[in-house]
Amino acid sequence: MFSINLKCAADYDYILRVFQDKTLIISYLPEVITKMRRGGISNEGLKNLINKRKEDYWVLKNNKMPFPLWILLAKNVSKIPQLFFRKR
């Protein structure tokens, strides 16, 4: 169910499709069920960072999200504090 043509944003695409599926009932779970490490292919070098942004934009457009550039900007700005406030 993942888009195999995406190298960095297949999970993002899948999540957007799941949340848009009207047949599913989605509920808030007030627990941490996943902790992800930093790094990965999308953060390995400038070329991959650029590719990640392109794929994110494609995913937003493909899933018919309104204002994809604004969403992409907000997504990236929201990650800035992670660079400065790391838990050790």
C-alpha atoms as a PDB file:
ATOM      1  CA  MET A   1       0.000   0.000   0.000  1.00  0.00           C
ATOM      2  CA  PHE A   2       3.072   2.232  -0.067  1.00  0.00           C
ATOM      3  CA  SER A   3       4.023   4.104  -3.235  1.00  0.00           C
ATOM      4  CA  ILE A   4       7.210   2.352  -4.329  1.00  0.00           C
ATOM      5  CA  ASN A   5       8.176   5.240  -6.621  1.00  0.00           C
ATOM      6  CA  LEU A   6       8.815   7.428  -3.545  1.00  0.00           C
ATOM      7  CA  LYS A   7      12.175   7.083  -1.800  1.00  0.00           C
ATOM      8  CA  CYS A   8      11.646   9.410   1.167  1.00  0.00           C
ATOM      9  CA  ALA A   9       7.940  10.200   1.452  1.00  0.00           C
ATOM     10  CA  ALA A  10       6.139   6.864   1.016  1.00  0.00           C
ATOM     11  CA  ASP A  11       5.093   6.829   4.683  1.00  0.00           C
ATOM     12  CA  TYR A  12       3.849  10.433   4.471  1.00  0.00           C
ATOM     13  CA  ASP A  13       1.778   9.566   1.397  1.00  0.00           C
ATOM     14  CA  TYR A  14       0.322   6.496   3.117  1.00  0.00           C
ATOM     15  CA  ILE A  15      -0.611   8.456   6.259  1.00  0.00           C
ATOM     16  CA  LEU A  16      -2.392  11.140   4.231  1.00  0.00           C
ATOM     17  CA  ARG A  17      -4.346   8.485   2.339  1.00  0.00           C
ATOM     18  CA  VAL A  18      -5.342   6.740   5.563  1.00  0.00           C
ATOM     19  CA  PHE A  19      -6.585   9.958   7.160  1.00  0.00           C
ATOM     20  CA  GLN A  20      -8.631  10.779   4.050  1.00  0.00           C
ATOM     21  CA  ASP A  21     -10.337   7.374   3.963  1.00  0.00           C
ATOM     22  CA  LYS A  22     -13.940   8.059   4.987  1.00  0.00           C
ATOM     23  CA  THR A  23     -14.587   4.369   5.721  1.00  0.00           C
ATOM     24  CA  LEU A  24     -12.175   4.375   8.649  1.00  0.00           C
ATOM     25  CA  ILE A  25     -12.928   5.521  12.175  1.00  0.00           C
ATOM     26  CA  ILE A  26      -9.951   7.423  13.562  1.00  0.00           C
ATOM     27  CA  SER A  27      -9.583   8.060  17.270  1.00  0.00           C
ATOM     28  CA  TYR A  28      -7.056   9.877  19.426  1.00  0.00           C
ATOM     29  CA  LEU A  29      -4.880   7.567  21.506  1.00  0.00           C
ATOM     30  CA  PRO A  30      -3.291   9.510  24.405  1.00  0.00           C
ATOM     31  CA  GLU A  31      -0.182   7.316  24.503  1.00  0.00           C
ATOM     32  CA  VAL A  32       3.188   7.254  22.801  1.00  0.00           C
ATOM     33  CA  ILE A  33       3.200   4.141  20.647  1.00  0.00           C
ATOM     34  CA  THR A  34       6.174   4.968  18.421  1.00  0.00           C
ATOM     35  CA  LYS A  35       9.448   6.778  18.995  1.00  0.00           C
ATOM     36  CA  MET A  36      11.438   7.573  15.900  1.00  0.00           C
ATOM     37  CA  ARG A  37      15.113   8.340  15.720  1.00  0.00           C
ATOM     38  CA  ARG A  38      16.515  11.249  13.819  1.00  0.00           C
ATOM     39  CA  GLY A  39      18.331  10.627  10.619  1.00  0.00           C
ATOM     40  CA  GLY A  40      17.406   8.347   7.789  1.00  0.00           C
ATOM     41  CA  ILE A  41      17.817   8.686   4.073  1.00  0.00           C
ATOM     42  CA  SER A  42      15.943  11.993   3.872  1.00  0.00           C
ATOM     43  CA  ASN A  43      18.491  13.749   6.108  1.00  0.00           C
ATOM     44  CA  GLU A  44      21.661  12.382   4.509  1.00  0.00           C
ATOM     45  CA  GLY A  45      22.989  15.303   2.511  1.00  0.00           C
ATOM     46  CA  LEU A  46      21.607  18.263   0.613  1.00  0.00           C
ATOM     47  CA  LYS A  47      20.530  16.195  -2.420  1.00  0.00           C
ATOM     48  CA  ASN A  48      18.307  13.990  -0.261  1.00  0.00           C
ATOM     49  CA  LEU A  49      16.873  16.978   1.635  1.00  0.00           C
ATOM     50  CA  ILE A  50      15.864  18.566  -1.665  1.00  0.00           C
ATOM     51  CA  ASN A  51      14.440  15.267  -2.930  1.00  0.00           C
ATOM     52  CA  LYS A  52      12.437  14.886   0.296  1.00  0.00           C
ATOM     53  CA  ARG A  53      10.880  18.336  -0.160  1.00  0.00           C
ATOM     54  CA  LYS A  54      10.002  17.541  -3.768  1.00  0.00           C
ATOM     55  CA  GLU A  55       8.419  14.240  -2.784  1.00  0.00           C
ATOM     56  CA  ASP A  56       6.491  15.853   0.081  1.00  0.00           C
ATOM     57  CA  TYR A  57       5.130  18.466  -2.324  1.00  0.00           C
ATOM     58  CA  TRP A  58       4.157  15.768  -4.841  1.00  0.00           C
ATOM     59  CA  VAL A  59       2.404  13.791  -2.086  1.00  0.00           C
ATOM     60  CA  LEU A  60       0.439  16.861  -0.974  1.00  0.00           C
ATOM     61  CA  LYS A  61      -0.611  17.673  -4.548  1.00  0.00           C
ATOM     62  CA  ASN A  62      -1.413  14.033  -5.372  1.00  0.00           C
ATOM     63  CA  ASN A  63      -3.620  13.766  -2.279  1.00  0.00           C
ATOM     64  CA  LYS A  64      -5.382  17.007  -3.267  1.00  0.00           C
ATOM     65  CA  MET A  65      -4.435  18.809  -0.083  1.00  0.00           C
ATOM     66  CA  PRO A  66      -5.377  22.504  -0.079  1.00  0.00           C
ATOM     67  CA  PHE A  67      -2.472  24.969  -0.143  1.00  0.00           C
ATOM     68  CA  PRO A  68       0.334  22.384  -0.474  1.00  0.00           C
ATOM     69  CA  LEU A  69       3.120  24.978  -0.358  1.00  0.00           C
ATOM     70  CA  TRP A  70       1.811  26.379   2.931  1.00  0.00           C
ATOM     71  CA  ILE A  71       1.511  22.884   4.387  1.00  0.00           C
ATOM     72  CA  LEU A  72       5.052  22.052   3.284  1.00  0.00           C
ATOM     73  CA  LEU A  73       6.367  25.277   4.791  1.00  0.00           C
ATOM     74  CA  ALA A  74       4.549  24.665   8.084  1.00  0.00           C
ATOM     75  CA  LYS A  75       5.789  21.069   8.204  1.00  0.00           C
ATOM     76  CA  ASN A  76       9.388  22.164   7.776  1.00  0.00           C
ATOM     77  CA  VAL A  77       9.184  25.126  10.165  1.00  0.00           C
ATOM     78  CA  SER A  78       7.654  22.888  12.845  1.00  0.00           C
ATOM     79  CA  LYS A  79      10.817  20.749  12.788  1.00  0.00           C
ATOM     80  CA  ILE A  80      13.223  23.615  13.554  1.00  0.00           C
ATOM     81  CA  PRO A  81      12.954  23.256  17.354  1.00  0.00           C
ATOM     82  CA  GLN A  82      14.096  19.638  17.014  1.00  0.00           C
ATOM     83  CA  LEU A  83      17.494  20.969  15.998  1.00  0.00           C
ATOM     84  CA  PHE A  84      17.917  22.951  19.209  1.00  0.00           C
ATOM     85  CA  PHE A  85      15.921  21.125  21.866  1.00  0.00           C
ATOM     86  CA  ARG A  86      17.083  17.550  21.743  1.00  0.00           C
ATOM     87  CA  LYS A  87      16.345  15.111  24.512  1.00  0.00           C
ATOM     88  CA  ARG A  88      19.437  13.222  25.515  1.00  0.00           C
END
